[in-house]
Amino acid sequence: MFKKNIIKYATAILLGVLIFASDFLDTNIFNFDEKNFAVWFVLSILCFASGWYINKTLGWHKGGKIVFSVIIAVTIVSIFMITFFSGYFNANEILTENLILYSLRNITLGAMGFFGMAIQEVINNRKDTQILTEKVELLERESEISKKEVQLIIKEANLNAEKIINDAEAKAKNLILKKERIEKELKEFIQTERELIKRYEEK
């Protein structure tokens, strides 16, 4: 756990070191002259990569605060360094303009860190959006399947209900026919009995 935290915050420290290192590009330590653009490009790429990793490990909100704090801290340290060692940084003449220039350097590289964070966040959000879209599509398909199943169940229930009603009607008709037949037979039987009684009385 502790090692993971060190790695997470080490990237922010590396970003601070890269931004601070840009202050020394035109000094005797790092004097690249015509290759300055290539060095700036490499520094920018490294700051971009640091921002990318910070966003990946610490997240947009926490990582953003850390990167912002690093930029402010490095800029303040750079201003103090340039003010007290103005001769070393070739800032003897017009110190204010040089301070603004060095500050802009730091802010530019810090902005590259933020750019790396933003790109990583956009890619993350795009992946999340794609996953959510796929989930929604899957749920819609499941919903359609469920609707079809419900419709089939309703149709089957209707058919069963019609069958039950038809069977009940058929049984009712059979019972009515039986009743009518029994009544008819009873009437015939009673009529026959009457005729027999009448014949018996006449004898």
N, C-alpha and C. Protein backbone atom coordinates (compact mmCIF):
# COMPACT_ATOMS: atom_id res chain seq x y z
N MET A 1 0.84 -1.21 0.00
CA MET A 1 0.00 0.00 0.00
C MET A 1 0.87 1.25 0.00
N PHE A 2 1.89 1.25 0.88
CA PHE A 2 2.79 2.41 1.00
C PHE A 2 3.60 2.61 -0.28
N LYS A 3 4.07 1.46 -0.85
CA LYS A 3 4.85 1.53 -2.10
C LYS A 3 4.02 2.08 -3.25
N LYS A 4 2.73 1.65 -3.30
CA LYS A 4 1.83 2.13 -4.36
C LYS A 4 1.64 3.64 -4.27
N ASN A 5 1.48 4.13 -3.03
CA ASN A 5 1.32 5.58 -2.81
C ASN A 5 2.56 6.34 -3.22
N ILE A 6 3.73 5.76 -2.93
CA ILE A 6 5.00 6.41 -3.31
C ILE A 6 5.08 6.53 -4.83
N ILE A 7 4.73 5.45 -5.54
CA ILE A 7 4.77 5.46 -7.01
C ILE A 7 3.79 6.50 -7.57
N LYS A 8 2.58 6.55 -6.96
CA LYS A 8 1.58 7.53 -7.41
C LYS A 8 2.09 8.95 -7.29
N TYR A 9 2.65 9.27 -6.10
CA TYR A 9 3.08 10.66 -5.85
C TYR A 9 4.46 10.94 -6.45
N ALA A 10 5.23 9.87 -6.74
CA ALA A 10 6.54 10.05 -7.37
C ALA A 10 6.38 10.67 -8.76
N THR A 11 5.30 10.35 -9.45
CA THR A 11 5.06 10.91 -10.78
C THR A 11 4.83 12.42 -10.69
N ALA A 12 4.11 12.85 -9.63
CA ALA A 12 3.89 14.29 -9.42
C ALA A 12 5.21 14.99 -9.13
N ILE A 13 6.08 14.32 -8.34
CA ILE A 13 7.41 14.88 -8.04
C ILE A 13 8.23 14.96 -9.32
N LEU A 14 8.16 13.92 -10.16
CA LEU A 14 8.87 13.92 -11.44
C LEU A 14 8.41 15.08 -12.32
N LEU A 15 7.10 15.32 -12.33
CA LEU A 15 6.56 16.45 -13.10
C LEU A 15 7.15 17.76 -12.60
N GLY A 16 7.22 17.90 -11.27
CA GLY A 16 7.81 19.11 -10.68
C GLY A 16 9.27 19.27 -11.06
N VAL A 17 10.02 18.15 -11.07
CA VAL A 17 11.44 18.18 -11.45
C VAL A 17 11.59 18.58 -12.91
N LEU A 18 10.74 18.04 -13.78
CA LEU A 18 10.80 18.38 -15.22
C LEU A 18 10.51 19.86 -15.45
N ILE A 19 9.48 20.36 -14.75
CA ILE A 19 9.15 21.80 -14.89
C ILE A 19 10.30 22.66 -14.38
N PHE A 20 10.85 22.26 -13.22
CA PHE A 20 11.96 23.03 -12.63
C PHE A 20 13.21 22.97 -13.51
N ALA A 21 13.42 21.81 -14.16
CA ALA A 21 14.61 21.63 -15.02
C ALA A 21 14.57 22.59 -16.21
N SER A 22 13.37 22.98 -16.63
CA SER A 22 13.26 23.89 -17.79
C SER A 22 13.88 25.26 -17.49
N ASP A 23 13.99 25.62 -16.20
CA ASP A 23 14.61 26.91 -15.83
C ASP A 23 16.09 26.96 -16.19
N PHE A 24 16.71 25.78 -16.32
CA PHE A 24 18.15 25.72 -16.54
C PHE A 24 18.53 25.51 -18.01
N LEU A 25 17.56 25.59 -18.92
CA LEU A 25 17.85 25.31 -20.33
C LEU A 25 18.86 26.28 -20.94
N ASP A 26 18.79 27.55 -20.58
CA ASP A 26 19.70 28.54 -21.19
C ASP A 26 20.89 28.87 -20.30
N THR A 27 21.13 28.03 -19.29
CA THR A 27 22.28 28.27 -18.40
C THR A 27 23.47 27.43 -18.84
N ASN A 28 24.54 27.51 -18.08
CA ASN A 28 25.75 26.75 -18.42
C ASN A 28 25.55 25.24 -18.25
N ILE A 29 24.58 24.86 -17.40
CA ILE A 29 24.36 23.42 -17.17
C ILE A 29 23.74 22.78 -18.41
N PHE A 30 22.62 23.36 -18.88
CA PHE A 30 21.95 22.85 -20.08
C PHE A 30 21.90 23.95 -21.13
N ASN A 31 22.90 24.02 -21.93
CA ASN A 31 22.94 25.06 -22.98
C ASN A 31 22.88 24.35 -24.33
N PHE A 32 21.65 24.20 -24.89
CA PHE A 32 21.47 23.42 -26.12
C PHE A 32 21.44 24.30 -27.38
N ASP A 33 21.32 25.60 -27.22
CA ASP A 33 21.27 26.56 -28.33
C ASP A 33 20.21 26.18 -29.37
N GLU A 34 20.68 25.75 -30.60
CA GLU A 34 19.73 25.50 -31.69
C GLU A 34 18.87 24.25 -31.44
N LYS A 35 19.27 23.42 -30.49
CA LYS A 35 18.49 22.21 -30.20
C LYS A 35 17.45 22.45 -29.10
N ASN A 36 17.26 23.71 -28.72
CA ASN A 36 16.31 24.04 -27.65
C ASN A 36 14.90 23.52 -27.93
N PHE A 37 14.49 23.63 -29.20
CA PHE A 37 13.12 23.20 -29.55
C PHE A 37 12.94 21.71 -29.29
N ALA A 38 13.95 20.91 -29.68
CA ALA A 38 13.88 19.46 -29.48
C ALA A 38 13.81 19.13 -27.99
N VAL A 39 14.61 19.86 -27.19
CA VAL A 39 14.61 19.64 -25.74
C VAL A 39 13.26 20.01 -25.16
N TRP A 40 12.69 21.15 -25.62
CA TRP A 40 11.37 21.58 -25.15
C TRP A 40 10.30 20.56 -25.53
N PHE A 41 10.43 20.01 -26.73
CA PHE A 41 9.48 19.00 -27.19
C PHE A 41 9.53 17.76 -26.30
N VAL A 42 10.76 17.30 -25.99
CA VAL A 42 10.93 16.12 -25.13
C VAL A 42 10.37 16.39 -23.74
N LEU A 43 10.68 17.58 -23.19
CA LEU A 43 10.16 17.96 -21.87
C LEU A 43 8.62 17.98 -21.88
N SER A 44 8.07 18.52 -22.95
CA SER A 44 6.61 18.60 -23.07
C SER A 44 5.99 17.21 -23.11
N ILE A 45 6.61 16.31 -23.88
CA ILE A 45 6.12 14.93 -23.97
C ILE A 45 6.18 14.24 -22.61
N LEU A 46 7.30 14.45 -21.89
CA LEU A 46 7.46 13.84 -20.57
C LEU A 46 6.43 14.38 -19.58
N CYS A 47 6.17 15.69 -19.65
CA CYS A 47 5.15 16.31 -18.78
C CYS A 47 3.76 15.77 -19.13
N PHE A 48 3.51 15.61 -20.44
CA PHE A 48 2.24 15.05 -20.91
C PHE A 48 2.06 13.63 -20.36
N ALA A 49 3.12 12.82 -20.45
CA ALA A 49 3.08 11.43 -19.97
C ALA A 49 2.87 11.39 -18.45
N SER A 50 3.52 12.32 -17.74
CA SER A 50 3.36 12.38 -16.27
C SER A 50 1.91 12.70 -15.92
N GLY A 51 1.34 13.70 -16.61
CA GLY A 51 -0.06 14.06 -16.39
C GLY A 51 -0.99 12.89 -16.67
N TRP A 52 -0.71 12.17 -17.75
CA TRP A 52 -1.49 10.98 -18.13
C TRP A 52 -1.49 9.97 -16.98
N TYR A 53 -0.29 9.67 -16.46
CA TYR A 53 -0.16 8.66 -15.40
C TYR A 53 -0.79 9.14 -14.09
N ILE A 54 -0.64 10.44 -13.79
CA ILE A 54 -1.25 11.00 -12.57
C ILE A 54 -2.76 10.84 -12.62
N ASN A 55 -3.36 11.15 -13.77
CA ASN A 55 -4.82 11.01 -13.91
C ASN A 55 -5.25 9.55 -13.80
N LYS A 56 -4.42 8.67 -14.34
CA LYS A 56 -4.75 7.24 -14.31
C LYS A 56 -4.70 6.68 -12.89
N THR A 57 -3.75 7.16 -12.08
CA THR A 57 -3.56 6.61 -10.74
C THR A 57 -4.33 7.38 -9.66
N LEU A 58 -4.36 8.70 -9.76
CA LEU A 58 -4.96 9.53 -8.71
C LEU A 58 -6.34 10.07 -9.07
N GLY A 59 -6.70 10.01 -10.34
CA GLY A 59 -8.01 10.53 -10.75
C GLY A 59 -7.95 12.01 -11.11
N TRP A 60 -9.04 12.47 -11.75
CA TRP A 60 -9.07 13.84 -12.28
C TRP A 60 -9.05 14.89 -11.17
N HIS A 61 -9.88 14.73 -10.14
CA HIS A 61 -10.01 15.76 -9.10
C HIS A 61 -8.76 15.85 -8.22
N LYS A 62 -8.37 14.72 -7.65
CA LYS A 62 -7.21 14.70 -6.77
C LYS A 62 -5.93 14.99 -7.55
N GLY A 63 -5.79 14.35 -8.71
CA GLY A 63 -4.61 14.56 -9.56
C GLY A 63 -4.49 16.00 -10.03
N GLY A 64 -5.66 16.59 -10.38
CA GLY A 64 -5.66 17.99 -10.83
C GLY A 64 -5.18 18.93 -9.75
N LYS A 65 -5.63 18.69 -8.52
CA LYS A 65 -5.18 19.53 -7.39
C LYS A 65 -3.67 19.40 -7.16
N ILE A 66 -3.18 18.16 -7.27
CA ILE A 66 -1.74 17.92 -7.07
C ILE A 66 -0.92 18.60 -8.15
N VAL A 67 -1.35 18.45 -9.42
CA VAL A 67 -0.61 19.07 -10.53
C VAL A 67 -0.62 20.58 -10.40
N PHE A 68 -1.77 21.14 -10.05
CA PHE A 68 -1.87 22.60 -9.85
C PHE A 68 -0.94 23.05 -8.72
N SER A 69 -0.91 22.28 -7.63
CA SER A 69 -0.03 22.61 -6.49
C SER A 69 1.44 22.54 -6.90
N VAL A 70 1.78 21.52 -7.70
CA VAL A 70 3.17 21.36 -8.18
C VAL A 70 3.58 22.56 -9.03
N ILE A 71 2.68 22.97 -9.95
CA ILE A 71 2.99 24.12 -10.83
C ILE A 71 3.22 25.38 -9.99
N ILE A 72 2.33 25.64 -9.02
CA ILE A 72 2.45 26.83 -8.17
C ILE A 72 3.74 26.77 -7.36
N ALA A 73 4.01 25.59 -6.75
CA ALA A 73 5.21 25.44 -5.90
C ALA A 73 6.49 25.63 -6.70
N VAL A 74 6.56 24.99 -7.87
CA VAL A 74 7.76 25.09 -8.71
C VAL A 74 7.93 26.52 -9.21
N THR A 75 6.84 27.17 -9.58
CA THR A 75 6.91 28.57 -10.05
C THR A 75 7.44 29.49 -8.96
N ILE A 76 6.96 29.30 -7.71
CA ILE A 76 7.42 30.13 -6.59
C ILE A 76 8.92 29.89 -6.33
N VAL A 77 9.32 28.60 -6.33
CA VAL A 77 10.75 28.26 -6.12
C VAL A 77 11.59 28.86 -7.23
N SER A 78 11.09 28.77 -8.48
CA SER A 78 11.82 29.33 -9.62
C SER A 78 11.99 30.83 -9.49
N ILE A 79 10.93 31.53 -9.06
CA ILE A 79 11.01 32.99 -8.89
C ILE A 79 12.06 33.36 -7.85
N PHE A 80 12.07 32.61 -6.73
CA PHE A 80 13.09 32.86 -5.69
C PHE A 80 14.49 32.60 -6.21
N MET A 81 14.66 31.47 -6.93
CA MET A 81 15.98 31.11 -7.48
C MET A 81 16.48 32.18 -8.43
N ILE A 82 15.61 32.61 -9.34
CA ILE A 82 16.01 33.59 -10.36
C ILE A 82 16.29 34.96 -9.73
N THR A 83 15.50 35.29 -8.69
CA THR A 83 15.70 36.58 -8.02
C THR A 83 17.05 36.63 -7.31
N PHE A 84 17.39 35.53 -6.59
CA PHE A 84 18.64 35.52 -5.81
C PHE A 84 19.87 35.17 -6.66
N PHE A 85 19.67 34.42 -7.76
CA PHE A 85 20.80 34.06 -8.63
C PHE A 85 20.57 34.60 -10.03
N SER A 86 20.18 35.86 -10.10
CA SER A 86 19.84 36.48 -11.40
C SER A 86 21.02 36.45 -12.37
N GLY A 87 22.25 36.59 -11.86
CA GLY A 87 23.44 36.56 -12.72
C GLY A 87 23.62 35.21 -13.37
N TYR A 88 23.37 34.14 -12.62
CA TYR A 88 23.51 32.78 -13.14
C TYR A 88 22.48 32.49 -14.22
N PHE A 89 21.28 33.02 -14.03
CA PHE A 89 20.20 32.78 -14.99
C PHE A 89 20.14 33.84 -16.10
N ASN A 90 21.18 34.64 -16.22
CA ASN A 90 21.25 35.71 -17.23
C ASN A 90 20.05 36.64 -17.15
N ALA A 91 19.64 36.96 -15.90
CA ALA A 91 18.45 37.78 -15.70
C ALA A 91 18.80 39.11 -15.01
N ASN A 92 20.04 39.59 -15.28
CA ASN A 92 20.48 40.85 -14.65
C ASN A 92 19.65 42.03 -15.13
N GLU A 93 19.44 42.06 -16.45
CA GLU A 93 18.67 43.16 -17.02
C GLU A 93 17.17 42.82 -17.01
N ILE A 94 16.37 43.79 -16.74
CA ILE A 94 14.90 43.67 -16.72
C ILE A 94 14.47 42.38 -16.01
N LEU A 95 14.66 42.35 -14.71
CA LEU A 95 14.39 41.16 -13.90
C LEU A 95 12.92 40.75 -13.96
N THR A 96 12.01 41.76 -13.95
CA THR A 96 10.57 41.46 -13.95
C THR A 96 10.16 40.66 -15.17
N GLU A 97 10.65 41.11 -16.35
CA GLU A 97 10.30 40.41 -17.60
C GLU A 97 10.83 38.98 -17.59
N ASN A 98 12.03 38.81 -17.05
CA ASN A 98 12.62 37.47 -16.97
C ASN A 98 11.83 36.56 -16.04
N LEU A 99 11.36 37.13 -14.92
CA LEU A 99 10.55 36.36 -13.97
C LEU A 99 9.25 35.90 -14.65
N ILE A 100 8.62 36.80 -15.40
CA ILE A 100 7.38 36.45 -16.13
C ILE A 100 7.67 35.36 -17.15
N LEU A 101 8.80 35.49 -17.85
CA LEU A 101 9.18 34.51 -18.88
C LEU A 101 9.39 33.13 -18.28
N TYR A 102 10.15 33.07 -17.20
CA TYR A 102 10.41 31.78 -16.53
C TYR A 102 9.11 31.19 -15.96
N SER A 103 8.27 32.07 -15.41
CA SER A 103 6.98 31.61 -14.88
C SER A 103 6.12 31.01 -15.98
N LEU A 104 6.13 31.66 -17.16
CA LEU A 104 5.35 31.16 -18.30
C LEU A 104 5.87 29.81 -18.77
N ARG A 105 7.21 29.64 -18.71
CA ARG A 105 7.79 28.33 -19.04
C ARG A 105 7.20 27.25 -18.15
N ASN A 106 7.22 27.53 -16.84
CA ASN A 106 6.71 26.55 -15.87
C ASN A 106 5.23 26.26 -16.10
N ILE A 107 4.46 27.32 -16.34
CA ILE A 107 3.02 27.17 -16.54
C ILE A 107 2.73 26.38 -17.82
N THR A 108 3.53 26.64 -18.87
CA THR A 108 3.35 25.94 -20.16
C THR A 108 3.57 24.43 -19.99
N LEU A 109 4.67 24.08 -19.31
CA LEU A 109 4.93 22.65 -19.10
C LEU A 109 3.90 22.03 -18.16
N GLY A 110 3.47 22.81 -17.16
CA GLY A 110 2.40 22.34 -16.27
C GLY A 110 1.11 22.12 -17.04
N ALA A 111 0.83 23.01 -18.00
CA ALA A 111 -0.36 22.88 -18.84
C ALA A 111 -0.28 21.61 -19.68
N MET A 112 0.92 21.22 -20.09
CA MET A 112 1.10 19.95 -20.83
C MET A 112 0.72 18.76 -19.94
N GLY A 113 1.06 18.89 -18.62
CA GLY A 113 0.65 17.86 -17.67
C GLY A 113 -0.86 17.77 -17.58
N PHE A 114 -1.52 18.95 -17.51
CA PHE A 114 -2.98 18.99 -17.48
C PHE A 114 -3.57 18.43 -18.77
N PHE A 115 -2.89 18.72 -19.90
CA PHE A 115 -3.36 18.21 -21.19
C PHE A 115 -3.32 16.69 -21.22
N GLY A 116 -2.24 16.12 -20.68
CA GLY A 116 -2.13 14.65 -20.58
C GLY A 116 -3.24 14.08 -19.72
N MET A 117 -3.54 14.76 -18.61
CA MET A 117 -4.64 14.33 -17.73
C MET A 117 -5.97 14.37 -18.46
N ALA A 118 -6.19 15.47 -19.20
CA ALA A 118 -7.46 15.66 -19.90
C ALA A 118 -7.67 14.58 -20.96
N ILE A 119 -6.61 14.28 -21.73
CA ILE A 119 -6.71 13.26 -22.79
C ILE A 119 -7.02 11.89 -22.17
N GLN A 120 -6.31 11.58 -21.07
CA GLN A 120 -6.54 10.30 -20.40
C GLN A 120 -7.97 10.22 -19.85
N GLU A 121 -8.47 11.32 -19.31
CA GLU A 121 -9.83 11.38 -18.77
C GLU A 121 -10.87 11.19 -19.87
N VAL A 122 -10.62 11.83 -21.02
CA VAL A 122 -11.54 11.71 -22.16
C VAL A 122 -11.60 10.26 -22.65
N ILE A 123 -10.43 9.62 -22.74
CA ILE A 123 -10.38 8.22 -23.19
C ILE A 123 -11.11 7.31 -22.19
N ASN A 124 -10.87 7.58 -20.89
CA ASN A 124 -11.56 6.81 -19.83
C ASN A 124 -13.06 6.97 -19.94
N ASN A 125 -13.51 8.24 -20.08
CA ASN A 125 -14.94 8.52 -20.18
C ASN A 125 -15.54 7.87 -21.42
N ARG A 126 -14.76 7.88 -22.51
CA ARG A 126 -15.23 7.26 -23.75
C ARG A 126 -15.42 5.76 -23.56
N LYS A 127 -14.46 5.13 -22.87
CA LYS A 127 -14.57 3.69 -22.59
C LYS A 127 -15.80 3.41 -21.73
N ASP A 128 -15.96 4.24 -20.66
CA ASP A 128 -17.11 4.08 -19.77
C ASP A 128 -18.42 4.26 -20.52
N THR A 129 -18.44 5.28 -21.40
CA THR A 129 -19.64 5.54 -22.20
C THR A 129 -19.95 4.36 -23.12
N GLN A 130 -18.90 3.80 -23.72
CA GLN A 130 -19.07 2.65 -24.61
C GLN A 130 -19.62 1.45 -23.85
N ILE A 131 -19.07 1.22 -22.64
CA ILE A 131 -19.53 0.10 -21.80
C ILE A 131 -20.99 0.30 -21.42
N LEU A 132 -21.34 1.55 -21.02
CA LEU A 132 -22.72 1.86 -20.64
C LEU A 132 -23.67 1.69 -21.82
N THR A 133 -23.21 2.13 -23.01
CA THR A 133 -24.03 1.98 -24.23
C THR A 133 -24.29 0.51 -24.52
N GLU A 134 -23.24 -0.31 -24.39
CA GLU A 134 -23.40 -1.76 -24.62
C GLU A 134 -24.36 -2.38 -23.61
N LYS A 135 -24.26 -1.91 -22.34
CA LYS A 135 -25.16 -2.42 -21.29
C LYS A 135 -26.61 -2.04 -21.60
N VAL A 136 -26.79 -0.78 -22.04
CA VAL A 136 -28.14 -0.30 -22.39
C VAL A 136 -28.71 -1.12 -23.54
N GLU A 137 -27.88 -1.36 -24.57
CA GLU A 137 -28.31 -2.17 -25.72
C GLU A 137 -28.69 -3.59 -25.28
N LEU A 138 -27.86 -4.15 -24.38
CA LEU A 138 -28.12 -5.50 -23.86
C LEU A 138 -29.44 -5.54 -23.08
N LEU A 139 -29.65 -4.51 -22.24
CA LEU A 139 -30.89 -4.41 -21.47
C LEU A 139 -32.10 -4.25 -22.38
N GLU A 140 -31.93 -3.45 -23.46
CA GLU A 140 -33.03 -3.27 -24.42
C GLU A 140 -33.37 -4.59 -25.10
N ARG A 141 -32.32 -5.35 -25.48
CA ARG A 141 -32.55 -6.66 -26.10
C ARG A 141 -33.27 -7.60 -25.14
N GLU A 142 -32.79 -7.61 -23.88
CA GLU A 142 -33.43 -8.45 -22.86
C GLU A 142 -34.88 -8.03 -22.64
N SER A 143 -35.09 -6.70 -22.66
CA SER A 143 -36.45 -6.16 -22.49
C SER A 143 -37.36 -6.61 -23.64
N GLU A 144 -36.82 -6.55 -24.87
CA GLU A 144 -37.60 -7.01 -26.04
C GLU A 144 -37.93 -8.49 -25.93
N ILE A 145 -36.93 -9.29 -25.51
CA ILE A 145 -37.14 -10.74 -25.34
C ILE A 145 -38.21 -10.99 -24.28
N SER A 146 -38.10 -10.22 -23.16
CA SER A 146 -39.09 -10.36 -22.07
C SER A 146 -40.49 -9.99 -22.56
N LYS A 147 -40.57 -8.90 -23.36
CA LYS A 147 -41.87 -8.49 -23.91
C LYS A 147 -42.47 -9.59 -24.77
N LYS A 148 -41.62 -10.18 -25.62
CA LYS A 148 -42.09 -11.26 -26.49
C LYS A 148 -42.56 -12.46 -25.66
N GLU A 149 -41.78 -12.78 -24.60
CA GLU A 149 -42.16 -13.89 -23.73
C GLU A 149 -43.50 -13.62 -23.05
N VAL A 150 -43.66 -12.37 -22.58
CA VAL A 150 -44.92 -11.97 -21.92
C VAL A 150 -46.08 -12.08 -22.90
N GLN A 151 -45.86 -11.62 -24.14
CA GLN A 151 -46.92 -11.70 -25.17
C GLN A 151 -47.31 -13.15 -25.45
N LEU A 152 -46.29 -14.02 -25.52
CA LEU A 152 -46.56 -15.45 -25.75
C LEU A 152 -47.35 -16.05 -24.58
N ILE A 153 -46.95 -15.67 -23.35
CA ILE A 153 -47.65 -16.17 -22.16
C ILE A 153 -49.11 -15.71 -22.16
N ILE A 154 -49.32 -14.42 -22.52
CA ILE A 154 -50.68 -13.87 -22.59
C ILE A 154 -51.51 -14.60 -23.64
N LYS A 155 -50.89 -14.82 -24.83
CA LYS A 155 -51.60 -15.54 -25.90
C LYS A 155 -51.97 -16.95 -25.45
N GLU A 156 -51.00 -17.62 -24.79
CA GLU A 156 -51.25 -18.98 -24.30
C GLU A 156 -52.36 -18.99 -23.25
N ALA A 157 -52.31 -17.98 -22.36
CA ALA A 157 -53.35 -17.87 -21.32
C ALA A 157 -54.72 -17.63 -21.96
N ASN A 158 -54.76 -16.77 -22.99
CA ASN A 158 -56.03 -16.50 -23.70
C ASN A 158 -56.58 -17.77 -24.36
N LEU A 159 -55.65 -18.51 -25.00
CA LEU A 159 -56.06 -19.76 -25.65
C LEU A 159 -56.59 -20.76 -24.63
N ASN A 160 -55.88 -20.86 -23.49
CA ASN A 160 -56.33 -21.78 -22.43
C ASN A 160 -57.69 -21.35 -21.87
N ALA A 161 -57.84 -20.02 -21.71
CA ALA A 161 -59.12 -19.49 -21.20
C ALA A 161 -60.25 -19.79 -22.17
N GLU A 162 -59.99 -19.59 -23.48
CA GLU A 162 -61.01 -19.89 -24.50
C GLU A 162 -61.37 -21.38 -24.51
N LYS A 163 -60.32 -22.21 -24.34
CA LYS A 163 -60.54 -23.65 -24.31
C LYS A 163 -61.41 -24.04 -23.11
N ILE A 164 -61.08 -23.46 -21.95
CA ILE A 164 -61.85 -23.74 -20.72
C ILE A 164 -63.31 -23.31 -20.89
N ILE A 165 -63.48 -22.09 -21.48
CA ILE A 165 -64.84 -21.56 -21.71
C ILE A 165 -65.61 -22.46 -22.67
N ASN A 166 -64.93 -22.87 -23.77
CA ASN A 166 -65.58 -23.75 -24.75
C ASN A 166 -65.96 -25.10 -24.13
N ASP A 167 -65.04 -25.64 -23.31
CA ASP A 167 -65.33 -26.92 -22.63
C ASP A 167 -66.52 -26.78 -21.68
N ALA A 168 -66.53 -25.66 -20.95
CA ALA A 168 -67.62 -25.40 -20.00
C ALA A 168 -68.95 -25.27 -20.73
N GLU A 169 -68.92 -24.53 -21.87
CA GLU A 169 -70.14 -24.36 -22.67
C GLU A 169 -70.63 -25.69 -23.22
N ALA A 170 -69.68 -26.51 -23.68
CA ALA A 170 -70.03 -27.83 -24.23
C ALA A 170 -70.66 -28.71 -23.14
N LYS A 171 -70.06 -28.69 -21.94
CA LYS A 171 -70.61 -29.47 -20.82
C LYS A 171 -72.00 -28.98 -20.44
N ALA A 172 -72.13 -27.63 -20.42
CA ALA A 172 -73.44 -27.05 -20.09
C ALA A 172 -74.50 -27.48 -21.11
N LYS A 173 -74.14 -27.45 -22.40
CA LYS A 173 -75.08 -27.88 -23.47
C LYS A 173 -75.45 -29.35 -23.31
N ASN A 174 -74.43 -30.18 -23.00
CA ASN A 174 -74.68 -31.62 -22.80
C ASN A 174 -75.64 -31.86 -21.64
N LEU A 175 -75.40 -31.09 -20.55
CA LEU A 175 -76.29 -31.21 -19.38
C LEU A 175 -77.72 -30.79 -19.72
N ILE A 176 -77.84 -29.69 -20.47
CA ILE A 176 -79.16 -29.20 -20.88
C ILE A 176 -79.87 -30.24 -21.75
N LEU A 177 -79.09 -30.83 -22.70
CA LEU A 177 -79.66 -31.87 -23.58
C LEU A 177 -80.10 -33.09 -22.78
N LYS A 178 -79.28 -33.51 -21.80
CA LYS A 178 -79.62 -34.65 -20.94
C LYS A 178 -80.90 -34.36 -20.15
N LYS A 179 -80.95 -33.13 -19.61
CA LYS A 179 -82.12 -32.71 -18.83
C LYS A 179 -83.38 -32.75 -19.69
N GLU A 180 -83.25 -32.20 -20.91
CA GLU A 180 -84.40 -32.18 -21.83
C GLU A 180 -84.83 -33.60 -22.19
N ARG A 181 -83.82 -34.48 -22.41
CA ARG A 181 -84.12 -35.87 -22.78
C ARG A 181 -84.82 -36.59 -21.62
N ILE A 182 -84.28 -36.35 -20.40
CA ILE A 182 -84.90 -36.99 -19.21
C ILE A 182 -86.32 -36.48 -19.02
N GLU A 183 -86.50 -35.16 -19.19
CA GLU A 183 -87.86 -34.58 -19.05
C GLU A 183 -88.81 -35.18 -20.08
N LYS A 184 -88.32 -35.33 -21.31
CA LYS A 184 -89.15 -35.89 -22.38
C LYS A 184 -89.53 -37.34 -22.06
N GLU A 185 -88.49 -38.09 -21.58
CA GLU A 185 -88.74 -39.49 -21.24
C GLU A 185 -89.75 -39.62 -20.09
N LEU A 186 -89.59 -38.69 -19.10
CA LEU A 186 -90.52 -38.69 -17.97
C LEU A 186 -91.96 -38.39 -18.44
N LYS A 187 -92.06 -37.39 -19.33
CA LYS A 187 -93.38 -37.03 -19.86
C LYS A 187 -94.01 -38.21 -20.60
N GLU A 188 -93.18 -38.90 -21.42
CA GLU A 188 -93.66 -40.07 -22.18
C GLU A 188 -94.09 -41.19 -21.22
N PHE A 189 -93.26 -41.36 -20.17
CA PHE A 189 -93.56 -42.40 -19.17
C PHE A 189 -94.88 -42.10 -18.44
N ILE A 190 -95.02 -40.82 -18.06
CA ILE A 190 -96.26 -40.40 -17.36
C ILE A 190 -97.47 -40.58 -18.28
N GLN A 191 -97.30 -40.24 -19.56
CA GLN A 191 -98.39 -40.37 -20.54
C GLN A 191 -98.78 -41.83 -20.71
N THR A 192 -97.77 -42.67 -20.77
CA THR A 192 -98.01 -44.11 -20.92
C THR A 192 -98.76 -44.65 -19.70
N GLU A 193 -98.33 -44.20 -18.52
CA GLU A 193 -98.97 -44.61 -17.26
C GLU A 193 -100.44 -44.21 -17.24
N ARG A 194 -100.71 -43.01 -17.66
CA ARG A 194 -102.10 -42.50 -17.70
C ARG A 194 -102.97 -43.34 -18.63
N GLU A 195 -102.40 -43.65 -19.79
CA GLU A 195 -103.15 -44.46 -20.77
C GLU A 195 -103.46 -45.85 -20.20
N LEU A 196 -102.45 -46.42 -19.52
CA LEU A 196 -102.62 -47.74 -18.91
C LEU A 196 -103.71 -47.72 -17.82
N ILE A 197 -103.65 -46.65 -17.01
CA ILE A 197 -104.65 -46.49 -15.93
C ILE A 197 -106.05 -46.33 -16.52
N LYS A 198 -106.13 -45.54 -17.59
CA LYS A 198 -107.42 -45.29 -18.24
C LYS A 198 -107.98 -46.60 -18.81
N ARG A 199 -107.16 -47.41 -19.46
CA ARG A 199 -107.59 -48.69 -20.02
C ARG A 199 -108.06 -49.64 -18.91
N TYR A 200 -107.31 -49.62 -17.83
CA TYR A 200 -107.66 -50.49 -16.71
C TYR A 200 -109.01 -50.13 -16.11
N GLU A 201 -109.25 -48.82 -16.02
CA GLU A 201 -110.52 -48.34 -15.47
C GLU A 201 -111.71 -48.69 -16.40
N GLU A 202 -111.46 -48.65 -17.68
CA GLU A 202 -112.54 -48.93 -18.64
C GLU A 202 -112.96 -50.40 -18.60
N LYS A 203 -112.04 -51.28 -18.27
CA LYS A 203 -112.35 -52.70 -18.16
C LYS A 203 -113.16 -52.96 -16.90
